[in-house]
Protein backbone atom coordinates (compact mmCIF):
# COMPACT_ATOMS: atom_id res chain seq x y z
CA UNK A 1 -5.06 21.61 -10.82
CA UNK A 2 -8.00 22.17 -12.94
CA UNK A 3 -11.31 23.11 -10.99
CA UNK A 4 -12.06 19.94 -10.64
CA UNK A 5 -9.25 18.33 -8.98
CA UNK A 6 -9.77 17.78 -4.91
CA UNK A 7 -7.26 20.39 -3.44
CA UNK A 8 -4.40 18.78 -1.65
CA UNK A 9 -3.63 20.11 1.82
CA UNK A 10 0.01 21.50 2.66
CA UNK A 11 -0.03 19.25 5.89
CA UNK A 12 -2.60 16.78 7.51
CA UNK A 13 -2.60 19.12 10.51
CA UNK A 14 -3.60 21.88 8.51
CA UNK A 15 -6.96 20.34 7.79
CA UNK A 16 -7.03 18.65 11.28
CA UNK A 17 -5.43 14.71 10.41
CA UNK A 18 -3.12 13.46 12.79
CA UNK A 19 -0.32 12.44 10.27
CA UNK A 20 0.93 9.70 12.57
CA UNK A 21 -2.25 8.13 12.83
CA UNK A 22 -2.56 7.92 9.37
CA UNK A 23 1.06 6.19 9.00
CA UNK A 24 0.05 3.89 11.95
CA UNK A 25 -2.89 2.46 10.17
CA UNK A 26 -0.54 2.00 6.99
CA UNK A 27 1.85 0.33 9.17
CA UNK A 28 -1.08 -2.38 11.08
CA UNK A 29 -2.89 -3.07 7.58
CA UNK A 30 0.89 -4.32 6.75
CA UNK A 31 1.66 -6.27 9.58
CA UNK A 32 -1.60 -7.41 9.61
CA UNK A 33 -1.57 -8.55 5.85
CA UNK A 34 -4.92 -6.98 4.89
CA UNK A 35 -4.58 -6.31 0.89
CA UNK A 36 -5.41 -2.54 0.59
CA UNK A 37 -4.82 -1.65 -2.73
CA UNK A 38 -5.32 2.76 -1.82
CA UNK A 39 -6.08 5.04 0.73
CA UNK A 40 -7.23 8.82 0.76
CA UNK A 41 -8.45 10.78 3.71
CA UNK A 42 -10.39 14.03 3.23
CA UNK A 43 -11.16 17.02 5.44
CA UNK A 44 -12.97 19.87 4.80
CA UNK A 45 -12.93 19.06 1.05
CA UNK A 46 -9.04 18.64 0.88
CA UNK A 47 -6.93 15.35 0.27
CA UNK A 48 -4.70 15.16 3.55
CA UNK A 49 -3.37 11.90 2.91
CA UNK A 50 -3.11 9.57 -0.08
CA UNK A 51 -1.25 6.28 -0.38
CA UNK A 52 -0.92 3.20 -2.85
CA UNK A 53 0.01 0.02 -3.29
CA UNK A 54 2.10 -0.97 -6.28
CA UNK A 55 1.31 -1.79 -8.77
CA UNK A 56 -2.08 0.19 -7.84
CA UNK A 57 -1.39 4.00 -8.58
CA UNK A 58 -3.56 7.27 -9.03
CA UNK A 59 -4.54 7.01 -12.11
CA UNK A 60 -6.05 3.11 -11.62
CA UNK A 61 -9.12 2.57 -12.59
CA UNK A 62 -10.02 0.01 -9.82
CA UNK A 63 -13.16 -1.78 -10.11
CA UNK A 64 -15.63 -1.40 -7.28
CA UNK A 65 -18.15 -3.96 -7.18
CA UNK A 66 -21.10 -2.77 -5.08
CA UNK A 67 -20.13 0.95 -4.38
CA UNK A 68 -21.34 1.27 -8.19
CA UNK A 69 -24.69 0.85 -6.97
CA UNK A 70 -24.68 4.34 -5.09
CA UNK A 71 -23.88 5.76 -8.85
CA UNK A 72 -26.83 4.18 -10.19
CA UNK A 73 -29.17 5.16 -6.81
CA UNK A 74 -27.39 9.10 -7.71
CA UNK A 75 -28.62 8.70 -11.25
CA UNK A 76 -32.58 7.46 -10.40
CA UNK A 77 -32.18 10.50 -7.69
CA UNK A 78 -31.37 12.56 -10.97
CA UNK A 79 -34.51 11.24 -12.66
CA UNK A 80 -36.88 11.71 -9.87
CA UNK A 81 -35.80 15.22 -9.43
CA UNK A 82 -36.48 15.65 -13.41
CA UNK A 83 -39.74 14.26 -13.03
CA UNK A 84 -39.30 11.41 -15.17
CA UNK A 85 -39.98 8.46 -12.76
CA UNK A 86 -41.16 8.40 -8.82
CA UNK A 87 -39.76 6.17 -6.26
CA UNK A 88 -44.08 5.28 -6.10
CA UNK A 89 -43.95 3.89 -9.62
CA UNK A 90 -44.85 0.38 -10.37
CA UNK A 91 -41.53 -1.32 -11.70
CA UNK A 92 -43.74 -3.69 -13.63
CA UNK A 93 -45.20 -0.35 -15.57
CA UNK A 94 -41.96 0.25 -17.12
CA UNK A 95 -41.84 -3.23 -18.72
CA UNK A 96 -45.07 -4.46 -20.40
CA UNK A 97 -43.08 -6.28 -23.14
CA UNK A 98 -42.56 -8.65 -19.76
CA UNK A 99 -45.44 -10.06 -18.39
CA UNK A 100 -44.95 -11.84 -15.48
CA UNK A 101 -45.61 -15.74 -16.05
CA UNK A 102 -47.02 -16.23 -12.92
CA UNK A 103 -49.10 -12.60 -12.14
CA UNK A 104 -49.24 -12.32 -8.47
CA UNK A 105 -50.46 -9.32 -6.14
CA UNK A 106 -47.17 -8.80 -5.04
CA UNK A 107 -46.19 -6.93 -8.26
CA UNK A 108 -48.17 -4.01 -7.80
CA UNK A 109 -46.60 -3.52 -4.25
CA UNK A 110 -42.99 -3.94 -6.08
CA UNK A 111 -42.03 -0.12 -6.61
CA UNK A 112 -38.97 1.99 -7.60
CA UNK A 113 -38.11 2.56 -3.78
CA UNK A 114 -38.08 -1.19 -2.87
CA UNK A 115 -35.58 -1.98 -5.73
CA UNK A 116 -33.37 1.37 -4.31
CA UNK A 117 -34.00 -0.21 -0.36
CA UNK A 118 -33.53 -3.77 -1.37
CA UNK A 119 -37.16 -4.57 -0.01
CA UNK A 120 -38.09 -5.60 -3.52
CA UNK A 121 -39.13 -9.44 -2.39
CA UNK A 122 -37.72 -10.69 -4.73
CA UNK A 123 -34.61 -13.31 -4.95
CA UNK A 124 -32.95 -14.34 -8.15
CA UNK A 125 -30.46 -16.77 -8.93
CA UNK A 126 -27.03 -16.19 -7.60
CA UNK A 127 -24.99 -18.61 -9.77
CA UNK A 128 -27.23 -18.08 -13.15
CA UNK A 129 -24.91 -17.15 -16.31
CA UNK A 130 -25.42 -13.93 -16.71
CA UNK A 131 -24.32 -14.26 -20.60
CA UNK A 132 -27.56 -16.67 -21.41
CA UNK A 133 -29.95 -15.01 -19.89
CA UNK A 134 -32.26 -11.94 -20.55
CA UNK A 135 -31.69 -9.86 -17.04
CA UNK A 136 -35.09 -8.28 -16.91
CA UNK A 137 -37.19 -11.55 -17.73
CA UNK A 138 -35.20 -13.56 -15.47
CA UNK A 139 -35.58 -10.46 -12.06
CA UNK A 140 -39.52 -10.15 -12.96
CA UNK A 141 -39.91 -13.80 -13.04
CA UNK A 142 -37.97 -14.80 -9.99
CA UNK A 143 -39.38 -16.26 -6.98
CA UNK A 144 -41.15 -13.88 -3.91
CA UNK A 145 -40.12 -14.27 -0.58
CA UNK A 146 -41.89 -11.85 1.17
CA UNK A 147 -43.80 -9.04 -0.04
CA UNK A 148 -42.53 -5.65 -0.83
CA UNK A 149 -41.57 -3.56 1.58
CA UNK A 150 -41.88 -5.78 4.68
CA UNK A 151 -38.38 -7.37 4.71
CA UNK A 152 -34.86 -6.56 3.74
CA UNK A 153 -32.68 -8.88 1.52
CA UNK A 154 -29.50 -7.62 -1.14
CA UNK A 155 -30.11 -8.08 -4.05
CA UNK A 156 -27.98 -7.55 -6.61
CA UNK A 157 -30.16 -7.46 -9.60
CA UNK A 158 -32.45 -4.56 -7.84
CA UNK A 159 -30.52 -2.31 -8.65
CA UNK A 160 -29.64 -3.74 -12.17
CA UNK A 161 -33.59 -2.71 -12.58
CA UNK A 162 -33.18 0.42 -11.69
CA UNK A 163 -30.88 0.83 -14.39
CA UNK A 164 -32.91 -1.14 -17.03
CA UNK A 165 -35.96 1.41 -15.84
CA UNK A 166 -33.63 4.39 -16.45
CA UNK A 167 -32.60 2.91 -19.88
CA UNK A 168 -36.23 3.79 -21.02
CA UNK A 169 -37.14 6.39 -19.03
CA UNK A 170 -34.32 8.63 -20.54
CA UNK A 171 -33.73 6.95 -23.83
CA UNK A 172 -30.03 6.69 -23.04
CA UNK A 173 -27.77 4.68 -20.75
CA UNK A 174 -26.67 5.30 -17.60
CA UNK A 175 -23.14 6.76 -18.55
CA UNK A 176 -24.58 8.83 -21.01
CA UNK A 177 -27.21 10.45 -18.37
CA UNK A 178 -24.92 10.74 -16.03
CA UNK A 179 -21.79 12.17 -17.61
CA UNK A 180 -23.43 16.21 -17.74
CA UNK A 181 -25.04 15.51 -14.44
CA UNK A 182 -22.23 13.97 -12.41
CA UNK A 183 -19.62 12.79 -13.91
CA UNK A 184 -18.19 15.72 -15.70
CA UNK A 185 -19.31 18.09 -13.20
CA UNK A 186 -17.11 16.08 -10.38
CA UNK A 187 -14.33 16.02 -13.23
CA UNK A 188 -14.59 12.29 -13.71
CA UNK A 189 -13.68 10.82 -17.23
CA UNK A 190 -16.39 8.78 -18.76
CA UNK A 191 -16.06 5.32 -16.76
CA UNK A 192 -15.86 1.82 -17.94
CA UNK A 193 -19.24 0.01 -16.73
CA UNK A 194 -19.91 -3.60 -17.41
CA UNK A 195 -23.64 -4.13 -19.21
CA UNK A 196 -25.72 -6.98 -20.14
CA UNK A 197 -26.42 -7.85 -23.80
CA UNK A 198 -28.45 -5.63 -24.82
CA UNK A 199 -26.36 -2.43 -23.06
CA UNK A 200 -28.26 -1.62 -20.15
CA UNK A 201 -25.57 -1.25 -17.25
CA UNK A 202 -25.16 -3.90 -14.29
CA UNK A 203 -25.91 -0.97 -11.78
CA UNK A 204 -25.49 -3.25 -8.99
CA UNK A 205 -21.85 -4.06 -10.17
CA UNK A 206 -19.22 -3.45 -13.17
CA UNK A 207 -18.37 0.22 -12.68
CA UNK A 208 -14.68 1.44 -12.83
CA UNK A 209 -13.15 4.00 -11.56
CA UNK A 210 -10.18 5.73 -10.04
CA UNK A 211 -9.68 6.19 -5.84
CA UNK A 212 -10.05 10.21 -6.21
CA UNK A 213 -13.29 9.60 -8.62
CA UNK A 214 -14.20 7.64 -5.72
CA UNK A 215 -13.28 10.46 -3.18
CA UNK A 216 -14.74 13.31 -5.46
CA UNK A 217 -18.03 11.33 -5.26
CA UNK A 218 -17.96 10.62 -1.41
CA UNK A 219 -16.84 14.60 -0.67
CA UNK A 220 -20.59 15.71 -2.93
CA UNK A 221 -22.33 13.68 -0.96
CA UNK A 222 -20.76 14.88 1.98
CA UNK A 223 -21.54 18.56 1.20
CA UNK A 224 -25.05 17.27 0.71
CA UNK A 225 -24.55 17.40 -3.49
CA UNK A 226 -22.50 20.24 -3.74
CA UNK A 227 -18.93 19.69 -5.18
CA UNK A 228 -16.19 22.73 -4.06
CA UNK A 229 -18.61 24.93 -3.58
CA UNK A 230 -20.76 23.65 -7.05
CA UNK A 231 -24.39 21.81 -6.56
CA UNK A 232 -24.11 18.70 -8.78
CA UNK A 233 -26.56 16.54 -6.87
CA UNK A 234 -29.97 17.62 -6.05
CA UNK A 235 -30.08 18.50 -1.97
CA UNK A 236 -32.73 16.72 -0.75
CA UNK A 237 -31.83 13.62 -3.01
CA UNK A 238 -28.52 13.79 -1.29
CA UNK A 239 -30.07 14.08 2.21
CA UNK A 240 -32.82 11.07 1.73
CA UNK A 241 -29.84 9.08 0.10
CA UNK A 242 -27.72 8.57 3.27
CA UNK A 243 -29.59 8.40 5.98
CA UNK A 244 -32.07 4.96 6.93
CA UNK A 245 -35.06 4.34 4.65
CA UNK A 246 -36.09 1.16 5.92
CA UNK A 247 -37.30 1.81 9.04
CA UNK A 248 -37.53 -0.48 11.62
CA UNK A 249 -36.79 -3.49 9.05
CA UNK A 250 -34.84 -5.85 10.72
CA UNK A 251 -31.31 -6.44 8.23
CA UNK A 252 -30.00 -9.95 8.79
CA UNK A 253 -26.80 -10.01 9.40
CA UNK A 254 -24.60 -10.07 12.81
CA UNK A 255 -22.42 -7.13 11.95
CA UNK A 256 -23.44 -3.95 13.20
CA UNK A 257 -22.14 -2.11 10.24
CA UNK A 258 -24.30 -3.92 8.35
CA UNK A 259 -27.39 -4.10 10.16
CA UNK A 260 -27.55 -0.57 11.23
CA UNK A 261 -29.95 0.61 8.34
CA UNK A 262 -29.96 1.61 4.87
CA UNK A 263 -30.65 4.60 2.28
CA UNK A 264 -30.77 4.45 -1.38
CA UNK A 265 -27.88 2.42 -1.94
CA UNK A 266 -25.59 4.37 1.34
CA UNK A 267 -25.03 1.96 4.33
CA UNK A 268 -25.13 3.41 7.87
CA UNK A 269 -21.95 2.27 9.87
CA UNK A 270 -22.24 1.61 13.83
CA UNK A 271 -19.65 4.07 14.50
CA UNK A 272 -20.12 6.06 17.74
CA UNK A 273 -19.93 9.24 15.56
CA UNK A 274 -22.26 8.73 12.62
CA UNK A 275 -20.78 7.91 9.64
CA UNK A 276 -22.72 6.07 6.48
CA UNK A 277 -20.66 4.50 3.19
CA UNK A 278 -20.79 3.54 0.06
CA UNK A 279 -19.45 -0.40 0.32
CA UNK A 280 -18.42 -2.61 -2.48
CA UNK A 281 -17.36 -5.92 -2.03
CA UNK A 282 -13.66 -7.39 -1.50
CA UNK A 283 -13.64 -3.55 0.92
CA UNK A 284 -14.47 -0.93 -2.02
CA UNK A 285 -15.48 1.60 0.61
CA UNK A 286 -16.07 5.30 0.49
CA UNK A 287 -17.38 6.32 4.03
CA UNK A 288 -18.67 10.10 5.50
CA UNK A 289 -18.25 11.24 8.56
CA UNK A 290 -20.87 14.47 8.20
CA UNK A 291 -20.05 15.78 11.64
CA UNK A 292 -16.22 15.77 10.99
CA UNK A 293 -16.47 17.04 7.91
CA UNK A 294 -14.65 14.28 6.74
CA UNK A 295 -13.98 11.18 4.04
CA UNK A 296 -12.24 7.91 4.13
CA UNK A 297 -11.75 6.16 0.96
CA UNK A 298 -10.08 2.86 -0.09
CA UNK A 299 -9.87 0.23 -2.77
CA UNK A 300 -8.64 -3.72 -1.66
CA UNK A 301 -8.71 -7.21 -2.01
CA UNK A 302 -10.20 -8.26 1.18
CA UNK A 303 -12.45 -10.74 1.26
CA UNK A 304 -14.26 -10.50 4.87
CA UNK A 305 -14.83 -6.86 5.11
CA UNK A 306 -15.53 -6.50 8.34
CA UNK A 307 -11.82 -7.30 9.39
CA UNK A 308 -11.29 -4.40 7.00
CA UNK A 309 -13.67 -2.04 8.26
CA UNK A 310 -12.61 -3.17 11.86
CA UNK A 311 -8.59 -1.77 10.74
CA UNK A 312 -9.83 1.49 10.04
CA UNK A 313 -12.36 2.05 12.95
CA UNK A 314 -8.73 1.12 14.70
CA UNK A 315 -7.46 4.88 13.33
CA UNK A 316 -10.31 6.75 11.86
CA UNK A 317 -12.55 8.58 12.89
CA UNK A 318 -9.64 9.07 15.56
CA UNK A 319 -7.24 10.41 12.79
CA UNK A 320 -9.18 13.70 13.18
CA UNK A 321 -9.54 16.57 15.28
CA UNK A 322 -10.91 20.13 15.23
CA UNK A 323 -7.74 22.04 16.33
CA UNK A 324 -4.81 22.72 14.41
CA UNK A 325 -1.27 21.96 16.18
CA UNK A 326 2.10 21.59 15.35
CA UNK A 327 2.54 21.31 11.53
CA UNK A 328 4.42 18.41 9.56
CA UNK A 329 4.34 17.29 6.43
CA UNK A 330 3.13 13.92 5.80
CA UNK A 331 4.90 11.15 3.06
CA UNK A 332 3.43 8.20 3.21
CA UNK A 333 6.08 5.36 1.01
CA UNK A 334 4.32 3.57 -1.19
CA UNK A 335 4.13 0.07 -0.84
CA UNK A 336 4.33 -3.02 -3.14
CA UNK A 337 2.26 -6.13 -2.73
CA UNK A 338 4.16 -8.26 -4.87
CA UNK A 339 8.07 -8.15 -4.91
CA UNK A 340 8.83 -10.77 -8.18
CA UNK A 341 11.93 -12.38 -7.56
CA UNK A 342 14.98 -12.63 -9.90
CA UNK A 343 14.01 -16.26 -12.15
CA UNK A 344 16.69 -18.47 -12.51
CA UNK A 345 16.82 -20.03 -15.98
CA UNK A 346 15.90 -23.42 -17.07
CA UNK A 347 17.18 -25.34 -19.89
CA UNK A 348 13.63 -26.56 -20.87
CA UNK A 349 13.05 -22.83 -21.83
CA UNK A 350 14.80 -24.17 -25.62
CA UNK A 351 12.42 -27.22 -25.65
CA UNK A 352 9.21 -25.64 -25.44
CA UNK A 353 10.18 -22.37 -27.07
CA UNK A 354 7.34 -21.36 -29.46
CA UNK A 355 5.42 -25.17 -28.49
CA UNK A 356 1.65 -25.29 -28.88
CA UNK A 357 0.17 -27.17 -25.34
CA UNK A 358 -3.58 -28.15 -26.24
CA UNK A 359 -5.58 -27.96 -22.46
CA UNK A 360 -8.22 -30.44 -21.92
CA UNK A 361 -11.39 -28.62 -20.71
CA UNK A 362 -12.79 -29.62 -17.64
CA UNK A 363 -16.60 -30.75 -18.23
CA UNK A 364 -17.46 -29.75 -15.02
CA UNK A 365 -16.27 -26.05 -14.88
CA UNK A 366 -17.96 -25.66 -18.26
CA UNK A 367 -21.62 -27.12 -16.79
CA UNK A 368 -21.59 -24.55 -13.97
CA UNK A 369 -20.14 -21.79 -16.29
CA UNK A 370 -17.41 -21.29 -14.16
CA UNK A 371 -14.02 -23.11 -16.77
CA UNK A 372 -10.38 -21.88 -15.87
CA UNK A 373 -9.81 -18.08 -16.95
CA UNK A 374 -6.69 -16.00 -16.73
CA UNK A 375 -8.72 -13.93 -14.86
CA UNK A 376 -9.54 -14.23 -11.15
CA UNK A 377 -12.52 -16.04 -10.07
CA UNK A 378 -12.84 -13.18 -7.82
CA UNK A 379 -13.51 -11.46 -11.27
CA UNK A 380 -15.01 -13.91 -13.95
CA UNK A 381 -17.80 -14.70 -11.33
CA UNK A 382 -19.43 -10.86 -11.49
CA UNK A 383 -18.67 -10.71 -15.64
CA UNK A 384 -21.99 -10.91 -17.58
CA UNK A 385 -19.78 -12.20 -20.40
CA UNK A 386 -17.07 -14.85 -18.30
CA UNK A 387 -13.91 -15.81 -20.37
CA UNK A 388 -12.65 -18.96 -19.96
CA UNK A 389 -11.51 -22.48 -21.95
CA UNK A 390 -7.27 -21.32 -21.61
CA UNK A 391 -5.95 -22.98 -24.49
CA UNK A 392 -3.25 -22.91 -26.88
CA UNK A 393 -0.48 -22.22 -24.90
CA UNK A 394 2.55 -20.48 -26.43
CA UNK A 395 5.71 -19.61 -24.58
CA UNK A 396 8.64 -17.56 -26.05
CA UNK A 397 11.42 -16.62 -23.62
CA UNK A 398 14.25 -13.53 -24.19
CA UNK A 399 17.15 -12.33 -21.95
CA UNK A 400 15.10 -11.04 -19.05
CA UNK A 401 11.62 -11.60 -20.02
CA UNK A 402 9.01 -14.17 -21.38
CA UNK A 403 5.64 -14.29 -22.73
CA UNK A 404 2.72 -16.27 -22.71
CA UNK A 405 0.19 -16.34 -25.17
CA UNK A 406 -2.96 -18.31 -25.56
CA UNK A 407 -6.43 -18.10 -26.46
CA UNK A 408 -9.75 -17.72 -24.47
CA UNK A 409 -12.57 -18.51 -26.80
CA UNK A 410 -12.51 -16.05 -29.51
CA UNK A 411 -10.11 -13.89 -28.08
CA UNK A 412 -6.16 -14.15 -28.01
CA UNK A 413 -4.03 -12.58 -25.62
CA UNK A 414 -0.25 -12.44 -25.07
CA UNK A 415 1.41 -11.07 -22.06
CA UNK A 416 4.95 -10.13 -21.34
CA UNK A 417 6.20 -11.63 -17.76
CA UNK A 418 9.10 -9.99 -15.91
CA UNK A 419 12.13 -12.53 -14.85
CA UNK A 420 14.28 -9.92 -13.57
CA UNK A 421 12.85 -8.97 -10.31
CA UNK A 422 10.65 -6.43 -12.46
CA UNK A 423 6.90 -6.60 -13.29
CA UNK A 424 6.02 -6.04 -17.11
CA UNK A 425 2.75 -4.11 -17.79
CA UNK A 426 0.73 -4.61 -20.99
CA UNK A 427 -3.26 -5.36 -21.66
CA UNK A 428 -4.97 -8.54 -22.17
CA UNK A 429 -8.47 -8.09 -23.52
CA UNK A 430 -11.13 -11.19 -22.09
CA UNK A 431 -14.98 -11.15 -21.64
CA UNK A 432 -14.80 -8.20 -24.32
CA UNK A 433 -13.19 -6.25 -21.39
CA UNK A 434 -8.96 -4.64 -21.76
CA UNK A 435 -7.66 -5.19 -18.72
CA UNK A 436 -4.31 -3.50 -17.98
CA UNK A 437 -1.93 -6.28 -16.33
CA UNK A 438 1.58 -6.57 -14.67
CA UNK A 439 3.10 -9.94 -14.71
CA UNK A 440 6.42 -12.01 -14.07
CA UNK A 441 7.25 -15.15 -14.20
CA UNK A 442 9.69 -17.22 -12.11
CA UNK A 443 11.30 -21.03 -12.41
CA UNK A 444 10.69 -23.06 -9.62
CA UNK A 445 13.16 -25.37 -10.54
CA UNK A 446 13.91 -27.10 -13.60
CA UNK A 447 10.71 -28.20 -14.51
CA UNK A 448 8.16 -25.84 -12.92
CA UNK A 449 7.27 -22.51 -14.05
CA UNK A 450 4.92 -20.12 -12.12
CA UNK A 451 3.09 -17.49 -14.44
CA UNK A 452 1.61 -14.58 -12.23
CA UNK A 453 -0.72 -11.93 -14.38
CA UNK A 454 -2.52 -9.27 -11.62
CA UNK A 455 -5.31 -7.66 -13.62
CA UNK A 456 -4.63 -4.08 -12.14
CA UNK A 457 -8.35 -2.56 -12.25
CA UNK A 458 -9.32 -5.23 -10.37
CA UNK A 459 -9.02 -7.52 -6.75
CA UNK A 460 -7.29 -10.42 -8.00
CA UNK A 461 -4.40 -12.13 -9.05
CA UNK A 462 -4.44 -15.34 -10.78
CA UNK A 463 -1.10 -17.94 -11.06
CA UNK A 464 -0.38 -20.39 -12.62
CA UNK A 465 2.07 -23.38 -12.58
CA UNK A 466 3.36 -25.14 -14.92
CA UNK A 467 5.04 -28.40 -14.64
CA UNK A 468 6.43 -29.82 -17.55
CA UNK A 469 6.69 -33.89 -17.50
CA UNK A 470 7.12 -36.43 -19.76
CA UNK A 471 5.80 -37.30 -23.11
CA UNK A 472 5.24 -33.52 -23.80
CA UNK A 473 2.61 -33.54 -20.81
CA UNK A 474 1.96 -31.10 -18.66
CA UNK A 475 0.02 -30.05 -15.48
CA UNK A 476 -1.15 -26.76 -14.93
CA UNK A 477 -2.29 -25.95 -11.77
CA UNK A 478 -4.22 -22.70 -11.15
CA UNK A 479 -4.17 -20.34 -7.83
CA UNK A 480 -5.77 -16.75 -7.35
CA UNK A 481 -5.85 -13.82 -5.14
CA UNK A 482 -7.62 -13.38 -2.93
CA UNK A 483 -7.78 -17.53 -2.14
CA UNK A 484 -10.85 -19.52 -3.21
CA UNK A 485 -10.95 -20.11 0.28
CA UNK A 486 -11.13 -17.29 1.65
CA UNK A 487 -14.41 -16.01 -0.72
CA UNK A 488 -15.95 -19.01 -0.04
CA UNK A 489 -15.40 -18.63 3.84
CA UNK A 490 -16.78 -15.16 3.01
CA UNK A 491 -19.37 -16.63 1.02
CA UNK A 492 -20.89 -18.87 4.09
CA UNK A 493 -21.88 -15.83 6.06
CA UNK A 494 -23.20 -14.08 3.00
CA UNK A 495 -25.46 -16.97 2.00
CA UNK A 496 -26.68 -16.86 5.88
CA UNK A 497 -27.96 -13.42 5.15
CA UNK A 498 -29.47 -13.91 1.48
CA UNK A 499 -31.05 -16.97 1.24
CA UNK A 500 -34.25 -17.02 3.02
CA UNK A 501 -35.36 -20.28 3.12
CA UNK A 502 -33.50 -21.74 6.06
CA UNK A 503 -33.20 -25.61 4.59
CA UNK A 504 -31.68 -24.42 1.31
CA UNK A 505 -29.32 -21.63 3.52
CA UNK A 506 -27.93 -24.25 5.32
CA UNK A 507 -27.52 -27.05 2.21
CA UNK A 508 -25.86 -24.29 0.43
CA UNK A 509 -23.50 -23.16 3.13
CA UNK A 510 -22.32 -26.90 3.16
CA UNK A 511 -21.76 -27.29 -0.29
CA UNK A 512 -20.17 -24.17 -0.60
CA UNK A 513 -17.31 -25.50 1.37
CA UNK A 514 -16.41 -28.42 -0.88
CA UNK A 515 -16.05 -25.32 -3.50
CA UNK A 516 -12.26 -24.62 -3.84
CA UNK A 517 -10.74 -27.71 -4.97
CA UNK A 518 -13.64 -27.83 -7.80
CA UNK A 519 -13.58 -24.55 -8.85
CA UNK A 520 -9.49 -24.27 -9.41
CA UNK A 521 -8.57 -28.24 -10.39
CA UNK A 522 -5.16 -29.02 -11.57
CA UNK A 523 -5.77 -28.80 -15.86
CA UNK A 524 -4.02 -31.27 -18.07
CA UNK A 525 -2.06 -30.48 -21.06
CA UNK A 526 0.20 -31.94 -24.57
CA UNK A 527 2.39 -30.07 -26.53
CA UNK A 528 0.82 -30.32 -29.77
CA UNK A 529 3.85 -29.61 -32.22
C-alpha cells in the first residue's frame, strides 16, 4: 500500500461499521433493481467495506457527471487562497474580449461567488449543441432570469465559467493546476476531463475517476482538507465549501435533500445527523457525515436520484456505531449487472459475414443534434463533441464470438462481442473520447441479432437489435439503459426546477414526455455489396 492509498480496516466493526447492515444494503438494492455500480464505506479514514457490480471494478474510471463541480470548486479554493482571484470578482472582468451584446446592470453583480452558488441569474439553453457554439460567448449572452445573488437556479455552465476563469488566471488547464495541489497528494492518477473546443474543462461535468479516487476526495473534505494527516485543501475553504452558502434563498426542488442548502458545489442533506454530498447525475454520490467521521461513496446508473438516496438513507448512517463489538470479517460477493446468455447460431451468419450495411440517416435526429450513436443517449447528451450516425456496419463471426465494425462520423471502430455466455472486453473511440467496453451478442431467433455494448466508464449500455429482412434490408432498433423513458421521467421533475418561466416549463414538460420514441426510433439499412 502506498502512502496515498486509503488504508483498509481489518473488519468493519474495527472502525464502527455494522457488517450485516452493509450486506443488507447490497441485498436491498439488488431486490429493488437499483443499478448501483460500486459502493465504498469509510470510517475514521479507513475503508470498512467496498463492493463492485461487474463489469465495474476498482480500476474503473467512472463518469462523475456533476460531482465534477466539487473538483472545480476546489480548484477555485486554491486560486482564492493563492490570491489569484476573489469570490467577489466580477465575472465579465475576466473576459474583456467577450463584451455582452446587450449591456445590463446585472453584469456588475454577477461574481465568482454567484457562479459557485448557482445564483448567477443566467439560464443557458439546455439543448444547445456544445460542439457548435462558443461556450463563453453563449453564457454571457444567455438571458437573465433574476438579479444575481437573489435566487437559486442550477445551471451547469456556471461551473464551466469558473474553469474558463481559472484558465485565464493560472495560465494553465484546470487539470494541470490541480495535479500538484490535489491529484498527486491524494494519489489520484491524472484524470480525463471533457473540454470545450478550446481545451477548457467542462467544469460542471465530464470528469472520470475511480470509486476510490472519489473516496479520497471525500475523506479529505471530511477531515477539513487533510488527507492521512497531511494538509491538502486549505482548511478555511474545506469548511466554507461544505456548509450552506445561499442563506435563506429558496431552492426550487420539492426533494428535501435538494432544498436544504447549497455550499460551493456541495449539497446539504436533510438527514437527521447532519451530512453533505458531492452529487452527480444518475446517482454518483460522495456523502460525508462529519459528526460520525464517516463517508458513503457510490457510483450508479439510477436516473431518479431520490430513489437512490432513499435506499442509502434506509441503511446509512444506521450502519455506523461508536463502540467496538464482535469483530467479524466482511466478504461482499461481487455481483453482475448483465449475465450474457450463450447464443444459438443462425444460418444467416454466412450470408452477412463481412458485408456492409448502409444506414439511412434520420433527418430529425440530426437537426436536433442527437444522431444515433453506439453510445447510450445518456452519454452523448453531455458530450461536447457528440458522436452519431452509425453507418457502414459489418459483422464477422467466429466460433464463440462475433465482431461488429462501424463508422461514426470520421471514426471507425471494431468491437468483439461474446456469444459463449461471457463478455468480450475492448475499446472504442467516439467523439474523440476513448471508452473501455464490454460486449456480447445473441441471436434471438434466426433473423434477429441483438448486440449489447456497455462503455464501462459511463452509466449506460447500448443495445441494437438487427432484424435481417428480405431483399438485403435491415431494420435496426436501438435501446439503451438507463431507458429513455426513465430519463425523461427524471427530466420532467428537473424542468420544473430549472425553467423559471411557468409557460415554458409546462410546455417543455409536455414535450419531453413524447421524446423517448423520437429519440430512439427504428433505423433502416441495406446491404450494399
